Amino acid sequence: MTSLLDRITGTGGDFEERPLSNLPFTPPVPGTSAIPWWTGVPGLDPDVRNTDWRVAARCSAMACAAQVFGLDAGRPRIIRGAPVRRWVGWLLEAGEDTECRMRILALRLVCERAAGADPDVVLQAAQEIYAATLR
């Protein structure tokens, strides 16, 4: 029987030689990352410590809009303006850290399920979820 030291140092003569496998490289499928889309975003990621809730609101609105609308997130929609502007307005309207963070959570929960949805529907759903917690 060969000792562990012999196997590590190679002094023993009974090493099993195994050929390396030649598995083909398979690129990852787009959109299947195990990393959540909100990772690293102040206000959305609980691991990112941010003391300024106004910055957290702005970052959260940007990330949520990009999640739902992709590259069109900052473009104005018809007459009402960019969705991200309306969303950040609603978040900042809370006026304090705790309430703003509650609104951020409501917006994030809706945006996780609302890809390509109408911006007014997204904001209304977030407002309804938030309001339901106040009853």
N, C-alpha and C. Protein backbone atom coordinates (compact mmCIF):
# COMPACT_ATOMS: atom_id res chain seq x y z
N MET A 1 0.84 -1.18 0.00
CA MET A 1 0.00 0.00 0.00
C MET A 1 0.88 1.24 0.00
N THR A 2 0.55 2.20 -0.80
CA THR A 2 1.34 3.41 -0.95
C THR A 2 0.85 4.47 0.03
N SER A 3 1.79 5.15 0.63
CA SER A 3 1.41 6.20 1.57
C SER A 3 0.94 7.44 0.82
N LEU A 4 0.23 8.27 1.52
CA LEU A 4 -0.26 9.52 0.93
C LEU A 4 0.90 10.40 0.49
N LEU A 5 1.96 10.46 1.27
CA LEU A 5 3.12 11.26 0.92
C LEU A 5 3.73 10.77 -0.39
N ASP A 6 3.80 9.44 -0.55
CA ASP A 6 4.33 8.91 -1.80
C ASP A 6 3.47 9.31 -3.00
N ARG A 7 2.16 9.34 -2.80
CA ARG A 7 1.27 9.73 -3.90
C ARG A 7 1.44 11.21 -4.26
N ILE A 8 1.61 12.05 -3.24
CA ILE A 8 1.75 13.49 -3.49
C ILE A 8 3.11 13.80 -4.11
N THR A 9 4.16 13.24 -3.57
CA THR A 9 5.51 13.57 -4.05
C THR A 9 5.91 12.78 -5.29
N GLY A 10 5.21 11.71 -5.56
CA GLY A 10 5.51 10.95 -6.76
C GLY A 10 6.61 9.93 -6.59
N THR A 11 6.98 9.65 -5.34
CA THR A 11 8.06 8.67 -5.14
C THR A 11 7.56 7.24 -5.29
N GLY A 12 6.27 7.03 -5.11
CA GLY A 12 5.72 5.69 -5.30
C GLY A 12 5.58 5.38 -6.78
N GLY A 13 5.51 4.13 -7.12
CA GLY A 13 5.46 3.77 -8.53
C GLY A 13 4.11 3.33 -9.02
N ASP A 14 3.06 3.44 -8.20
CA ASP A 14 1.78 2.91 -8.64
C ASP A 14 0.74 4.00 -8.95
N PHE A 15 1.18 5.14 -9.50
CA PHE A 15 0.23 6.17 -9.89
C PHE A 15 -0.63 5.67 -11.04
N GLU A 16 -1.88 5.98 -10.97
CA GLU A 16 -2.75 5.68 -12.10
C GLU A 16 -2.64 6.86 -13.05
N GLU A 17 -2.38 6.56 -14.27
CA GLU A 17 -2.31 7.64 -15.25
C GLU A 17 -3.64 7.71 -15.96
N ARG A 18 -4.26 8.89 -15.85
CA ARG A 18 -5.55 9.09 -16.51
C ARG A 18 -5.37 10.19 -17.56
N PRO A 19 -5.86 9.95 -18.73
CA PRO A 19 -5.77 11.02 -19.73
C PRO A 19 -6.74 12.15 -19.38
N LEU A 20 -6.38 13.38 -19.73
CA LEU A 20 -7.26 14.52 -19.52
C LEU A 20 -8.43 14.41 -20.48
N SER A 21 -9.58 14.79 -19.99
CA SER A 21 -10.74 14.73 -20.89
C SER A 21 -10.68 15.91 -21.85
N ASN A 22 -11.20 15.71 -22.99
CA ASN A 22 -11.24 16.75 -24.02
C ASN A 22 -12.68 17.18 -24.25
N LEU A 23 -13.33 17.60 -23.17
CA LEU A 23 -14.71 18.05 -23.32
C LEU A 23 -14.74 19.36 -24.08
N PRO A 24 -15.67 19.50 -24.99
CA PRO A 24 -15.75 20.75 -25.75
C PRO A 24 -16.24 21.89 -24.86
N PHE A 25 -15.79 23.10 -25.15
CA PHE A 25 -16.22 24.27 -24.41
C PHE A 25 -17.65 24.61 -24.82
N THR A 26 -18.50 24.79 -23.83
CA THR A 26 -19.87 25.19 -24.09
C THR A 26 -20.09 26.56 -23.47
N PRO A 27 -20.33 27.57 -24.31
CA PRO A 27 -20.54 28.91 -23.76
C PRO A 27 -21.84 28.97 -22.97
N PRO A 28 -21.91 29.85 -21.97
CA PRO A 28 -23.15 29.96 -21.20
C PRO A 28 -24.30 30.48 -22.05
N VAL A 29 -25.49 30.06 -21.72
CA VAL A 29 -26.68 30.52 -22.41
C VAL A 29 -27.02 31.92 -21.90
N PRO A 30 -27.23 32.88 -22.81
CA PRO A 30 -27.56 34.24 -22.37
C PRO A 30 -28.80 34.26 -21.48
N GLY A 31 -28.74 35.06 -20.42
CA GLY A 31 -29.88 35.22 -19.52
C GLY A 31 -30.03 34.12 -18.48
N THR A 32 -29.02 33.27 -18.34
CA THR A 32 -29.14 32.18 -17.38
C THR A 32 -28.12 32.29 -16.24
N SER A 33 -27.65 33.46 -15.98
CA SER A 33 -26.67 33.65 -14.92
C SER A 33 -27.29 33.34 -13.56
N ALA A 34 -26.48 32.77 -12.70
CA ALA A 34 -26.95 32.50 -11.34
C ALA A 34 -26.84 33.75 -10.47
N ILE A 35 -26.24 34.79 -11.00
CA ILE A 35 -26.08 36.04 -10.26
C ILE A 35 -27.32 36.90 -10.50
N PRO A 36 -28.01 37.32 -9.44
CA PRO A 36 -29.21 38.15 -9.62
C PRO A 36 -28.88 39.47 -10.33
N TRP A 37 -29.82 39.99 -11.09
CA TRP A 37 -29.62 41.21 -11.86
C TRP A 37 -29.38 42.42 -10.97
N TRP A 38 -29.81 42.37 -9.73
CA TRP A 38 -29.68 43.51 -8.84
C TRP A 38 -28.41 43.48 -7.99
N THR A 39 -27.54 42.51 -8.22
CA THR A 39 -26.31 42.39 -7.44
C THR A 39 -25.43 43.63 -7.62
N GLY A 40 -25.00 44.19 -6.51
CA GLY A 40 -24.12 45.35 -6.53
C GLY A 40 -24.81 46.68 -6.64
N VAL A 41 -26.14 46.69 -6.72
CA VAL A 41 -26.88 47.94 -6.88
C VAL A 41 -27.28 48.48 -5.51
N PRO A 42 -26.81 49.68 -5.16
CA PRO A 42 -27.22 50.28 -3.88
C PRO A 42 -28.74 50.39 -3.82
N GLY A 43 -29.30 49.97 -2.72
CA GLY A 43 -30.75 50.00 -2.55
C GLY A 43 -31.41 48.67 -2.86
N LEU A 44 -30.86 47.93 -3.81
CA LEU A 44 -31.44 46.64 -4.18
C LEU A 44 -30.69 45.47 -3.55
N ASP A 45 -29.38 45.59 -3.46
CA ASP A 45 -28.55 44.51 -2.93
C ASP A 45 -28.29 44.77 -1.45
N PRO A 46 -28.78 43.88 -0.58
CA PRO A 46 -28.57 44.10 0.86
C PRO A 46 -27.11 44.06 1.29
N ASP A 47 -26.25 43.50 0.45
CA ASP A 47 -24.82 43.45 0.80
C ASP A 47 -24.09 44.76 0.48
N VAL A 48 -24.73 45.65 -0.25
CA VAL A 48 -24.12 46.94 -0.56
C VAL A 48 -24.62 47.95 0.45
N ARG A 49 -23.74 48.39 1.30
CA ARG A 49 -24.10 49.35 2.34
C ARG A 49 -24.08 50.75 1.75
N ASN A 50 -25.20 51.43 1.89
CA ASN A 50 -25.32 52.77 1.35
C ASN A 50 -26.04 53.62 2.39
N THR A 51 -25.41 54.71 2.77
CA THR A 51 -26.01 55.56 3.80
C THR A 51 -26.93 56.63 3.23
N ASP A 52 -26.81 56.92 1.95
CA ASP A 52 -27.64 57.95 1.35
C ASP A 52 -28.81 57.31 0.61
N TRP A 53 -30.00 57.37 1.17
CA TRP A 53 -31.16 56.73 0.58
C TRP A 53 -31.57 57.36 -0.74
N ARG A 54 -31.21 58.62 -0.95
CA ARG A 54 -31.53 59.27 -2.24
C ARG A 54 -30.72 58.63 -3.38
N VAL A 55 -29.45 58.35 -3.10
CA VAL A 55 -28.60 57.67 -4.10
C VAL A 55 -29.12 56.26 -4.34
N ALA A 56 -29.50 55.58 -3.26
CA ALA A 56 -30.05 54.23 -3.39
C ALA A 56 -31.31 54.23 -4.25
N ALA A 57 -32.16 55.24 -4.08
CA ALA A 57 -33.39 55.34 -4.87
C ALA A 57 -33.07 55.53 -6.35
N ARG A 58 -32.14 56.40 -6.64
CA ARG A 58 -31.78 56.66 -8.04
C ARG A 58 -31.15 55.44 -8.69
N CYS A 59 -30.24 54.78 -7.97
CA CYS A 59 -29.60 53.57 -8.51
C CYS A 59 -30.62 52.46 -8.71
N SER A 60 -31.54 52.32 -7.77
CA SER A 60 -32.56 51.28 -7.87
C SER A 60 -33.48 51.52 -9.06
N ALA A 61 -33.91 52.75 -9.23
CA ALA A 61 -34.79 53.07 -10.36
C ALA A 61 -34.09 52.79 -11.69
N MET A 62 -32.82 53.14 -11.78
CA MET A 62 -32.07 52.86 -13.02
C MET A 62 -31.98 51.38 -13.29
N ALA A 63 -31.61 50.61 -12.28
CA ALA A 63 -31.46 49.16 -12.46
C ALA A 63 -32.79 48.50 -12.79
N CYS A 64 -33.85 48.92 -12.12
CA CYS A 64 -35.16 48.34 -12.39
C CYS A 64 -35.62 48.66 -13.82
N ALA A 65 -35.42 49.90 -14.24
CA ALA A 65 -35.81 50.29 -15.59
C ALA A 65 -35.01 49.51 -16.63
N ALA A 66 -33.72 49.34 -16.39
CA ALA A 66 -32.90 48.57 -17.33
C ALA A 66 -33.33 47.11 -17.36
N GLN A 67 -33.75 46.57 -16.23
CA GLN A 67 -34.23 45.19 -16.18
C GLN A 67 -35.49 45.02 -17.02
N VAL A 68 -36.39 45.97 -16.95
CA VAL A 68 -37.67 45.86 -17.65
C VAL A 68 -37.57 46.28 -19.11
N PHE A 69 -36.85 47.36 -19.39
CA PHE A 69 -36.85 47.95 -20.73
C PHE A 69 -35.55 47.81 -21.50
N GLY A 70 -34.53 47.27 -20.88
CA GLY A 70 -33.26 47.10 -21.57
C GLY A 70 -32.65 48.44 -21.96
N LEU A 71 -32.17 48.52 -23.19
CA LEU A 71 -31.49 49.73 -23.65
C LEU A 71 -32.42 50.93 -23.81
N ASP A 72 -33.72 50.72 -23.83
CA ASP A 72 -34.68 51.81 -23.97
C ASP A 72 -35.09 52.43 -22.63
N ALA A 73 -34.45 52.02 -21.55
CA ALA A 73 -34.87 52.44 -20.21
C ALA A 73 -34.86 53.95 -20.01
N GLY A 74 -33.91 54.65 -20.59
CA GLY A 74 -33.82 56.09 -20.37
C GLY A 74 -34.50 56.93 -21.42
N ARG A 75 -35.03 56.30 -22.44
CA ARG A 75 -35.68 57.05 -23.52
C ARG A 75 -37.09 57.46 -23.13
N PRO A 76 -37.46 58.69 -23.46
CA PRO A 76 -38.83 59.14 -23.15
C PRO A 76 -39.86 58.29 -23.87
N ARG A 77 -40.96 58.05 -23.23
CA ARG A 77 -42.08 57.30 -23.79
C ARG A 77 -43.19 58.29 -24.12
N ILE A 78 -43.46 58.47 -25.38
CA ILE A 78 -44.51 59.34 -25.88
C ILE A 78 -44.48 60.71 -25.17
N ILE A 79 -45.46 61.00 -24.35
CA ILE A 79 -45.56 62.33 -23.73
C ILE A 79 -45.05 62.33 -22.29
N ARG A 80 -45.14 61.26 -21.59
CA ARG A 80 -44.92 61.24 -20.16
C ARG A 80 -43.47 61.25 -19.71
N GLY A 81 -42.52 61.08 -20.57
CA GLY A 81 -41.12 61.08 -20.17
C GLY A 81 -40.61 59.68 -19.89
N ALA A 82 -39.37 59.61 -19.48
CA ALA A 82 -38.73 58.32 -19.25
C ALA A 82 -39.31 57.65 -18.00
N PRO A 83 -39.56 56.34 -18.07
CA PRO A 83 -40.09 55.64 -16.90
C PRO A 83 -39.19 55.78 -15.68
N VAL A 84 -37.88 55.75 -15.90
CA VAL A 84 -36.96 55.83 -14.77
C VAL A 84 -37.15 57.15 -14.01
N ARG A 85 -37.49 58.20 -14.71
CA ARG A 85 -37.70 59.50 -14.05
C ARG A 85 -38.94 59.46 -13.16
N ARG A 86 -40.02 58.85 -13.66
CA ARG A 86 -41.24 58.74 -12.86
C ARG A 86 -41.02 57.82 -11.65
N TRP A 87 -40.30 56.73 -11.88
CA TRP A 87 -40.06 55.77 -10.81
C TRP A 87 -39.21 56.39 -9.70
N VAL A 88 -38.15 57.09 -10.08
CA VAL A 88 -37.30 57.71 -9.05
C VAL A 88 -38.07 58.80 -8.32
N GLY A 89 -38.96 59.49 -9.01
CA GLY A 89 -39.79 60.49 -8.36
C GLY A 89 -40.67 59.88 -7.29
N TRP A 90 -41.27 58.72 -7.60
CA TRP A 90 -42.11 58.03 -6.61
C TRP A 90 -41.27 57.55 -5.43
N LEU A 91 -40.08 57.07 -5.69
CA LEU A 91 -39.22 56.59 -4.61
C LEU A 91 -38.80 57.74 -3.70
N LEU A 92 -38.40 58.86 -4.28
CA LEU A 92 -37.93 60.00 -3.48
C LEU A 92 -39.07 60.71 -2.75
N GLU A 93 -40.27 60.57 -3.27
CA GLU A 93 -41.44 61.18 -2.67
C GLU A 93 -41.69 60.64 -1.25
N ALA A 94 -41.14 59.48 -0.94
CA ALA A 94 -41.32 58.87 0.38
C ALA A 94 -40.76 59.77 1.48
N GLY A 95 -39.67 60.47 1.17
CA GLY A 95 -39.15 61.46 2.10
C GLY A 95 -38.33 60.95 3.27
N GLU A 96 -38.16 59.66 3.41
CA GLU A 96 -37.31 59.16 4.49
C GLU A 96 -36.75 57.80 4.11
N ASP A 97 -35.69 57.43 4.76
CA ASP A 97 -34.95 56.22 4.44
C ASP A 97 -35.81 54.96 4.47
N THR A 98 -36.51 54.68 5.54
CA THR A 98 -37.25 53.43 5.69
C THR A 98 -38.35 53.31 4.65
N GLU A 99 -39.14 54.34 4.50
CA GLU A 99 -40.24 54.28 3.53
C GLU A 99 -39.72 54.19 2.10
N CYS A 100 -38.64 54.87 1.82
CA CYS A 100 -38.05 54.79 0.48
C CYS A 100 -37.58 53.37 0.20
N ARG A 101 -36.95 52.74 1.17
CA ARG A 101 -36.47 51.37 0.98
C ARG A 101 -37.63 50.39 0.79
N MET A 102 -38.76 50.65 1.44
CA MET A 102 -39.95 49.81 1.23
C MET A 102 -40.45 49.97 -0.20
N ARG A 103 -40.45 51.18 -0.70
CA ARG A 103 -40.88 51.41 -2.08
C ARG A 103 -39.91 50.78 -3.07
N ILE A 104 -38.62 50.86 -2.77
CA ILE A 104 -37.61 50.23 -3.62
C ILE A 104 -37.87 48.73 -3.72
N LEU A 105 -38.16 48.12 -2.60
CA LEU A 105 -38.44 46.68 -2.60
C LEU A 105 -39.67 46.37 -3.44
N ALA A 106 -40.73 47.15 -3.30
CA ALA A 106 -41.94 46.93 -4.09
C ALA A 106 -41.64 47.04 -5.58
N LEU A 107 -40.86 48.05 -5.96
CA LEU A 107 -40.52 48.23 -7.37
C LEU A 107 -39.68 47.07 -7.88
N ARG A 108 -38.72 46.64 -7.09
CA ARG A 108 -37.87 45.51 -7.50
C ARG A 108 -38.69 44.25 -7.70
N LEU A 109 -39.60 43.96 -6.79
CA LEU A 109 -40.42 42.75 -6.90
C LEU A 109 -41.26 42.75 -8.17
N VAL A 110 -41.80 43.91 -8.52
CA VAL A 110 -42.59 44.01 -9.75
C VAL A 110 -41.69 43.87 -10.97
N CYS A 111 -40.55 44.53 -10.96
CA CYS A 111 -39.66 44.52 -12.12
C CYS A 111 -39.08 43.14 -12.40
N GLU A 112 -38.97 42.31 -11.39
CA GLU A 112 -38.47 40.95 -11.61
C GLU A 112 -39.42 40.13 -12.46
N ARG A 113 -40.68 40.55 -12.54
CA ARG A 113 -41.68 39.78 -13.26
C ARG A 113 -42.32 40.55 -14.42
N ALA A 114 -41.81 41.72 -14.74
CA ALA A 114 -42.50 42.60 -15.67
C ALA A 114 -41.70 42.95 -16.91
N ALA A 115 -40.91 42.05 -17.42
CA ALA A 115 -40.08 42.35 -18.59
C ALA A 115 -40.92 42.88 -19.75
N GLY A 116 -40.59 44.07 -20.21
CA GLY A 116 -41.25 44.68 -21.36
C GLY A 116 -42.63 45.23 -21.08
N ALA A 117 -43.06 45.26 -19.83
CA ALA A 117 -44.40 45.75 -19.49
C ALA A 117 -44.49 47.26 -19.68
N ASP A 118 -45.69 47.75 -19.72
CA ASP A 118 -45.93 49.18 -19.81
C ASP A 118 -45.42 49.84 -18.53
N PRO A 119 -44.69 50.96 -18.63
CA PRO A 119 -44.13 51.61 -17.45
C PRO A 119 -45.17 52.01 -16.41
N ASP A 120 -46.35 52.42 -16.89
CA ASP A 120 -47.39 52.82 -15.94
C ASP A 120 -47.93 51.62 -15.17
N VAL A 121 -47.98 50.47 -15.83
CA VAL A 121 -48.43 49.25 -15.17
C VAL A 121 -47.44 48.85 -14.08
N VAL A 122 -46.16 48.96 -14.39
CA VAL A 122 -45.11 48.61 -13.43
C VAL A 122 -45.20 49.52 -12.21
N LEU A 123 -45.28 50.82 -12.43
CA LEU A 123 -45.35 51.76 -11.31
C LEU A 123 -46.62 51.55 -10.50
N GLN A 124 -47.74 51.36 -11.18
CA GLN A 124 -49.00 51.16 -10.48
C GLN A 124 -48.96 49.88 -9.63
N ALA A 125 -48.41 48.81 -10.17
CA ALA A 125 -48.31 47.56 -9.41
C ALA A 125 -47.42 47.74 -8.18
N ALA A 126 -46.31 48.44 -8.35
CA ALA A 126 -45.41 48.70 -7.22
C ALA A 126 -46.11 49.55 -6.16
N GLN A 127 -46.86 50.55 -6.60
CA GLN A 127 -47.59 51.40 -5.66
C GLN A 127 -48.65 50.61 -4.91
N GLU A 128 -49.31 49.69 -5.60
CA GLU A 128 -50.35 48.88 -4.97
C GLU A 128 -49.74 47.91 -3.94
N ILE A 129 -48.61 47.30 -4.29
CA ILE A 129 -47.95 46.41 -3.34
C ILE A 129 -47.51 47.19 -2.10
N TYR A 130 -46.93 48.35 -2.32
CA TYR A 130 -46.49 49.18 -1.21
C TYR A 130 -47.67 49.61 -0.35
N ALA A 131 -48.74 50.07 -0.99
CA ALA A 131 -49.93 50.54 -0.26
C ALA A 131 -50.55 49.40 0.55
N ALA A 132 -50.47 48.18 0.05
CA ALA A 132 -51.06 47.04 0.77
C ALA A 132 -50.35 46.80 2.10
N THR A 133 -49.11 47.22 2.22
CA THR A 133 -48.40 47.04 3.48
C THR A 133 -48.79 48.08 4.51
N LEU A 134 -49.44 49.14 4.07
CA LEU A 134 -49.83 50.23 4.97
C LEU A 134 -51.19 50.01 5.61
N ARG A 135 -51.94 49.07 5.09
CA ARG A 135 -53.30 48.85 5.59
C ARG A 135 -53.31 48.15 6.89
